[in-house]
Protein backbone atom coordinates (compact mmCIF):
# COMPACT_ATOMS: atom_id res chain seq x y z
CA MET A 1 226.36 183.85 -48.63
CA THR A 2 230.10 183.77 -48.33
CA THR A 3 231.76 180.36 -48.22
CA ASP A 4 234.39 181.20 -45.64
CA TRP A 5 234.18 182.85 -42.23
CA ALA A 6 236.70 184.21 -39.77
CA GLU A 7 236.66 183.13 -36.16
CA ILE A 8 238.14 185.71 -33.77
CA ALA A 9 239.10 184.14 -30.44
CA CYS A 10 239.82 186.34 -27.41
CA GLU A 11 241.25 185.02 -24.15
CA VAL A 12 239.81 186.90 -21.17
CA PRO A 13 239.08 186.38 -17.44
CA ALA A 14 235.85 184.54 -16.69
CA GLU A 15 234.35 187.71 -15.16
CA MET A 16 234.73 189.48 -18.52
CA VAL A 17 232.98 186.85 -20.63
CA ASP A 18 229.47 188.39 -20.55
CA THR A 19 230.75 191.90 -21.30
CA LEU A 20 232.82 190.72 -24.25
CA ALA A 21 230.08 188.39 -25.52
CA ASP A 22 227.54 191.25 -25.55
CA PHE A 23 230.01 193.44 -27.46
CA LEU A 24 230.74 190.71 -30.05
CA VAL A 25 227.04 189.97 -30.63
CA GLU A 26 226.32 193.66 -31.18
CA LEU A 27 229.37 194.12 -33.40
CA THR A 28 228.99 191.04 -35.59
CA GLY A 29 225.28 190.23 -35.49
CA ASN A 30 226.25 186.56 -35.16
CA GLY A 31 226.41 183.97 -32.41
CA VAL A 32 229.19 183.75 -29.85
CA GLY A 33 231.15 180.67 -28.78
CA ILE A 34 232.81 180.08 -25.41
CA ASP A 35 235.51 177.45 -24.83
CA ASN A 36 234.67 175.72 -28.13
CA LEU A 37 231.04 175.11 -27.12
CA HIS A 38 228.26 177.18 -28.68
CA LEU A 39 226.19 178.93 -26.03
CA ASP A 40 222.90 177.59 -27.37
CA THR A 41 223.44 173.89 -26.61
CA PHE A 42 222.73 171.69 -23.64
CA SER A 43 226.46 171.31 -23.16
CA LEU A 44 226.55 174.66 -21.36
CA ASP A 45 226.96 173.02 -17.95
CA THR A 46 230.11 171.25 -19.15
CA LEU A 47 232.02 174.51 -19.40
CA GLU A 48 234.95 174.30 -17.00
CA ASP A 49 235.09 176.86 -14.23
CA THR A 50 238.50 178.15 -15.26
CA PRO A 51 239.87 181.64 -14.57
CA LEU A 52 240.43 182.28 -18.30
CA LYS A 53 238.00 181.57 -21.11
CA SER A 54 238.18 181.81 -24.88
CA VAL A 55 235.33 183.90 -26.31
CA LYS A 56 234.83 183.58 -30.07
CA GLY A 57 233.07 185.85 -32.51
CA TYR A 58 232.33 185.09 -36.17
CA LEU A 59 232.68 187.42 -39.15
CA PRO A 60 232.43 187.05 -42.92
CA LEU A 61 235.84 186.76 -44.55
CA ASP A 62 235.64 190.01 -46.52
CA ASP A 63 237.03 193.55 -46.62
CA SER A 64 235.44 194.47 -43.28
CA LEU A 65 237.47 191.90 -41.33
CA GLU A 66 240.49 194.12 -40.65
CA GLU A 67 238.38 197.00 -39.36
CA MET A 68 236.41 194.61 -37.12
CA ARG A 69 239.62 193.08 -35.76
CA ILE A 70 240.93 196.54 -34.86
CA ARG A 71 237.67 197.44 -33.10
CA ILE A 72 237.86 194.23 -31.07
CA GLU A 73 241.46 194.91 -30.12
CA GLN A 74 240.52 198.44 -29.04
CA PHE A 75 237.64 197.12 -26.94
CA LEU A 76 239.92 194.59 -25.24
CA ALA A 77 242.59 197.18 -24.52
CA GLN A 78 240.13 199.74 -23.16
CA THR A 79 237.75 197.46 -21.23
CA GLY A 80 240.00 194.60 -20.10
CA PRO A 81 242.05 196.41 -17.43
CA SER A 82 238.92 196.92 -15.29
CA PHE A 83 238.66 193.14 -14.79
CA PRO A 84 240.93 191.41 -12.22
CA GLY A 85 243.50 189.10 -13.81
CA TYR A 86 243.22 190.61 -17.28
CA VAL A 87 246.34 190.54 -19.41
CA TYR A 88 246.03 191.85 -22.97
CA THR A 89 246.44 189.11 -25.55
CA PRO A 90 245.83 189.90 -29.24
CA PRO A 91 242.78 188.07 -30.62
CA VAL A 92 243.55 185.05 -32.79
CA VAL A 93 241.92 185.00 -36.24
CA THR A 94 241.22 181.62 -37.86
CA VAL A 95 239.56 180.97 -41.21
CA ILE A 96 236.79 178.35 -41.05
CA ARG A 97 234.59 176.98 -43.79
CA ASN A 98 230.90 177.74 -43.69
CA GLU A 99 229.88 174.07 -43.78
CA ASP A 100 232.20 173.21 -40.91
CA TRP A 101 230.70 175.87 -38.67
CA ALA A 102 227.16 174.96 -39.65
CA ASN A 103 227.52 171.23 -38.99
CA ASN A 104 230.19 170.46 -36.40
CA TRP A 105 228.17 171.73 -33.42
CA LYS A 106 225.20 169.49 -34.27
CA VAL A 107 226.64 166.64 -32.20
CA HIS A 108 225.64 168.61 -29.07
CA PHE A 109 221.99 169.05 -30.06
CA LYS A 110 219.67 166.11 -29.23
CA PRO A 111 215.88 165.84 -28.77
CA VAL A 112 214.91 167.25 -25.39
CA ARG A 113 211.71 167.71 -23.40
CA ILE A 114 210.95 171.20 -22.14
CA GLY A 115 208.18 171.64 -19.60
CA GLN A 116 205.49 168.96 -19.60
CA ARG A 117 204.58 168.60 -23.27
CA LEU A 118 207.00 170.47 -25.51
CA VAL A 119 209.79 168.51 -27.20
CA ILE A 120 212.46 170.14 -29.39
CA LYS A 121 213.82 167.80 -32.02
CA PRO A 122 216.56 168.68 -34.51
CA THR A 123 215.68 167.69 -38.03
CA TRP A 124 218.58 165.23 -38.23
CA GLU A 125 217.59 163.27 -35.09
CA GLU A 126 214.92 160.56 -34.63
CA TYR A 127 212.35 160.83 -31.82
CA LEU A 128 209.51 158.47 -30.83
CA LYS A 129 206.59 160.76 -30.04
CA GLN A 130 204.66 160.03 -26.85
CA GLU A 131 201.00 160.77 -26.23
CA GLY A 132 200.44 164.47 -25.60
CA ASP A 133 203.82 165.53 -26.95
CA LEU A 134 204.02 168.76 -28.94
CA VAL A 135 207.11 168.23 -31.08
CA ILE A 136 208.99 171.21 -32.51
CA GLN A 137 211.33 170.34 -35.36
CA ILE A 138 214.20 172.80 -35.70
CA ASP A 139 216.99 173.36 -38.16
CA PRO A 140 218.47 176.41 -36.46
CA GLY A 141 220.65 177.75 -39.25
CA MET A 142 223.93 179.47 -38.60
CA ALA A 143 224.08 181.62 -35.44
CA PHE A 144 220.44 181.18 -34.43
CA GLY A 145 218.97 179.43 -31.41
CA THR A 146 218.01 175.80 -31.06
CA GLY A 147 215.73 176.52 -28.12
CA ALA A 148 218.07 174.71 -25.76
CA HIS A 149 219.64 177.74 -24.09
CA PRO A 150 218.12 178.54 -20.66
CA THR A 151 216.79 181.91 -21.86
CA THR A 152 214.71 180.26 -24.62
CA LYS A 153 213.85 177.23 -22.49
CA MET A 154 212.32 179.41 -19.78
CA CYS A 155 210.25 181.30 -22.39
CA LEU A 156 208.88 177.99 -23.67
CA GLU A 157 207.99 176.90 -20.13
CA ALA A 158 206.28 180.25 -19.52
CA LEU A 159 204.19 179.87 -22.69
CA GLU A 160 203.19 176.37 -21.57
CA ARG A 161 202.16 177.63 -18.12
CA ILE A 162 200.00 180.37 -19.63
CA CYS A 163 198.40 177.84 -21.96
CA PHE A 164 197.59 175.09 -19.48
CA ASP A 165 197.53 176.80 -16.07
CA ALA A 166 195.85 180.09 -16.94
CA SER A 167 194.04 179.67 -20.27
CA GLY A 168 192.38 176.25 -20.18
CA GLY A 169 194.72 174.48 -22.59
CA LYS A 170 194.82 176.98 -25.45
CA LEU A 171 197.31 179.83 -25.72
CA PRO A 172 195.38 183.09 -26.26
CA SER A 173 195.84 185.04 -29.50
CA PRO A 174 197.33 187.08 -30.95
CA VAL A 175 200.95 186.42 -29.92
CA LEU A 176 203.96 188.63 -30.65
CA ASP A 177 207.46 187.07 -30.78
CA VAL A 178 210.10 189.83 -30.66
CA GLY A 179 213.58 188.77 -31.82
CA THR A 180 212.32 185.47 -33.16
CA GLY A 181 215.74 184.04 -34.16
CA SER A 182 214.99 180.52 -35.40
CA GLY A 183 211.24 180.84 -34.79
CA VAL A 184 211.09 178.25 -32.01
CA LEU A 185 208.87 180.36 -29.74
CA SER A 186 206.45 181.13 -32.57
CA ILE A 187 206.24 177.45 -33.47
CA ALA A 188 205.59 176.57 -29.83
CA ALA A 189 202.85 179.20 -29.64
CA ALA A 190 201.14 177.69 -32.68
CA LEU A 191 201.37 174.16 -31.29
CA LEU A 192 199.92 175.45 -28.01
CA GLY A 193 196.83 176.63 -29.86
CA ALA A 194 197.48 180.27 -30.72
CA GLU A 195 195.75 181.04 -34.03
CA GLU A 196 197.50 184.32 -34.89
CA ILE A 197 201.19 184.96 -34.31
CA VAL A 198 203.50 187.77 -35.42
CA ALA A 199 207.25 187.06 -35.41
CA VAL A 200 209.73 189.90 -35.95
CA ASP A 201 213.51 190.15 -36.07
CA ILE A 202 215.87 192.88 -37.22
CA ASP A 203 217.96 190.31 -39.14
CA PRO A 204 216.55 189.23 -42.53
CA GLU A 205 218.52 185.97 -42.26
CA ALA A 206 216.73 185.16 -39.01
CA VAL A 207 213.38 185.74 -40.74
CA ARG A 208 214.44 183.40 -43.54
CA VAL A 209 215.42 180.66 -41.08
CA THR A 210 212.19 181.21 -39.14
CA THR A 211 210.12 180.91 -42.32
CA GLU A 212 211.78 177.61 -43.19
CA ASN A 213 211.18 176.24 -39.70
CA LEU A 214 207.53 177.37 -39.75
CA GLU A 215 207.00 175.45 -42.97
CA LEU A 216 208.85 172.44 -41.58
CA ASN A 217 206.41 172.34 -38.65
CA GLY A 218 203.29 172.97 -40.73
CA VAL A 219 202.39 176.24 -39.00
CA ALA A 220 203.39 178.79 -41.66
CA GLY A 221 199.75 179.76 -42.12
CA LEU A 222 199.48 180.87 -38.49
CA VAL A 223 202.64 182.99 -38.26
CA ALA A 224 203.57 186.20 -40.06
CA ALA A 225 207.38 186.54 -39.94
CA SER A 226 209.07 189.77 -41.02
CA THR A 227 211.59 192.49 -40.21
CA THR A 228 208.78 194.90 -39.29
CA SER A 229 209.93 197.25 -36.53
CA LEU A 230 208.23 197.15 -33.16
CA GLU A 231 206.89 200.69 -33.43
CA GLN A 232 205.09 199.79 -36.67
CA LEU A 233 203.08 197.02 -35.01
CA PRO A 234 199.66 197.61 -33.45
CA GLY A 235 198.87 197.02 -29.81
CA GLY A 236 196.49 194.41 -28.45
CA PHE A 237 198.58 191.22 -28.28
CA GLN A 238 197.43 188.77 -25.61
CA VAL A 239 200.95 187.37 -25.25
CA VAL A 240 204.20 189.18 -26.04
CA VAL A 241 207.51 187.34 -25.67
CA ALA A 242 210.91 188.98 -26.09
CA ASN A 243 214.13 187.01 -25.67
CA ILE A 244 216.79 189.67 -26.21
CA LEU A 245 219.50 191.40 -24.15
CA ALA A 246 218.50 193.17 -20.92
CA GLU A 247 219.61 196.57 -22.18
CA GLU A 248 217.46 196.22 -25.29
CA LEU A 249 214.46 195.13 -23.23
CA VAL A 250 214.71 198.29 -21.11
CA ARG A 251 215.28 200.49 -24.16
CA LEU A 252 212.13 199.05 -25.73
CA ALA A 253 210.12 198.97 -22.48
CA ASP A 254 207.49 201.53 -23.50
CA GLU A 255 206.95 199.97 -26.91
CA LEU A 256 206.79 196.42 -25.56
CA THR A 257 204.35 197.43 -22.83
CA ALA A 258 202.17 199.24 -25.37
CA ARG A 259 201.87 196.09 -27.49
CA VAL A 260 200.36 194.05 -24.62
CA ALA A 261 196.56 193.99 -24.44
CA PRO A 262 194.89 194.71 -21.07
CA GLY A 263 195.00 191.47 -19.11
CA GLY A 264 197.70 190.11 -21.42
CA TRP A 265 201.10 188.64 -20.62
CA LEU A 266 204.62 189.89 -21.32
CA ILE A 267 207.46 187.34 -21.11
CA LEU A 268 210.99 188.73 -21.02
CA SER A 269 214.18 186.69 -21.19
CA GLY A 270 217.84 187.04 -22.11
CA ILE A 271 218.38 188.62 -18.69
CA LEU A 272 221.42 187.95 -16.52
CA THR A 273 220.24 187.61 -12.90
CA GLU A 274 222.41 190.57 -11.89
CA LYS A 275 220.38 192.77 -14.28
CA GLU A 276 216.97 191.53 -13.11
CA ALA A 277 216.17 194.58 -10.96
CA PHE A 278 217.29 196.88 -13.79
CA VAL A 279 214.77 195.23 -16.14
CA CYS A 280 211.96 195.14 -13.57
CA ALA A 281 212.34 198.87 -13.03
CA GLY A 282 211.70 199.46 -16.72
CA PHE A 283 208.37 197.61 -16.58
CA SER A 284 207.02 198.97 -13.28
CA SER A 285 203.53 199.56 -14.74
CA LEU A 286 203.04 195.80 -15.08
CA GLU A 287 202.50 193.12 -12.42
CA LEU A 288 205.35 190.61 -12.04
CA VAL A 289 203.72 187.15 -11.95
CA GLY A 290 206.68 184.82 -12.59
CA ASN A 291 210.43 184.91 -12.12
CA PRO A 292 212.13 181.55 -12.82
CA LYS A 293 215.92 181.31 -12.93
CA GLU A 294 218.34 178.84 -14.51
CA LEU A 295 222.10 179.02 -14.25
CA GLU A 296 222.93 182.74 -14.41
CA TRP A 297 219.77 183.66 -16.35
CA SER A 298 216.39 185.05 -15.30
CA CYS A 299 213.02 185.09 -17.05
CA LEU A 300 210.40 187.66 -16.05
CA SER A 301 206.68 187.20 -16.70
CA PHE A 302 204.42 190.23 -16.30
CA ARG A 303 200.68 190.78 -16.64
CA LYS A 304 199.08 194.02 -17.74
CA PRO A 305 196.22 195.31 -15.56
CA LEU A 306 192.73 195.16 -17.08
């Protein structure tokens, strides 16, 4: 892995943040920062409601940087004028050291309870476990989720509801975790009693981070993590959870639906509330049984008819 990275900061109107963030994630394959706070921290609600925001993408400092910078400039010039208040400003490129990026954000990540029993604890923090707690230890790795972002948090709460409210205290197996990232949802599924879990991600680095976190939590024997594509997986999963972008969820709707066993659950997250109806339309063959919201995000829980 390269030692140095380039941070590309773009100043845009607040209304353009989601559009630019989606573009940067797709272009770089890495996380996105907004106003110096990483999106996947509990500091999200401290973001100031300002008309302009700085959106930051991260790229390896190699020969591809110049081409990537040009593509970002082209995107800004072509897309920006459709947003009120947009004034083209060239993106600012800053070189940052790998260890700085990997460690400086950790100050924002503290142990936190999610739902009734789940607790996410970073490996570098102490936590006094209470009776009934299911503690997930996470070392997210660069650009992968801590579980603190509302999209992941709502998935965890949905898994807990299925486990305790619908399944008698044990999450049914097998479970499929699509776009596993840091593996937090797979770890939660194992702690909630699932005995067979499949975790997939298109990024080999995500699979590596997931594997390390599975071992850290003592559940590696219950989870098979890989870059296996969705179409190569069999059907018949009792629980399928996918925390990815709304457009990807709809694109994969047929394949995701096919992986759910009759009577099984499908949990979808990563959905901006404004795109909720768009996603629901793609899964019309399933019954919508849950629709929590947090900040600007929605989570949709479906059940497949028997």
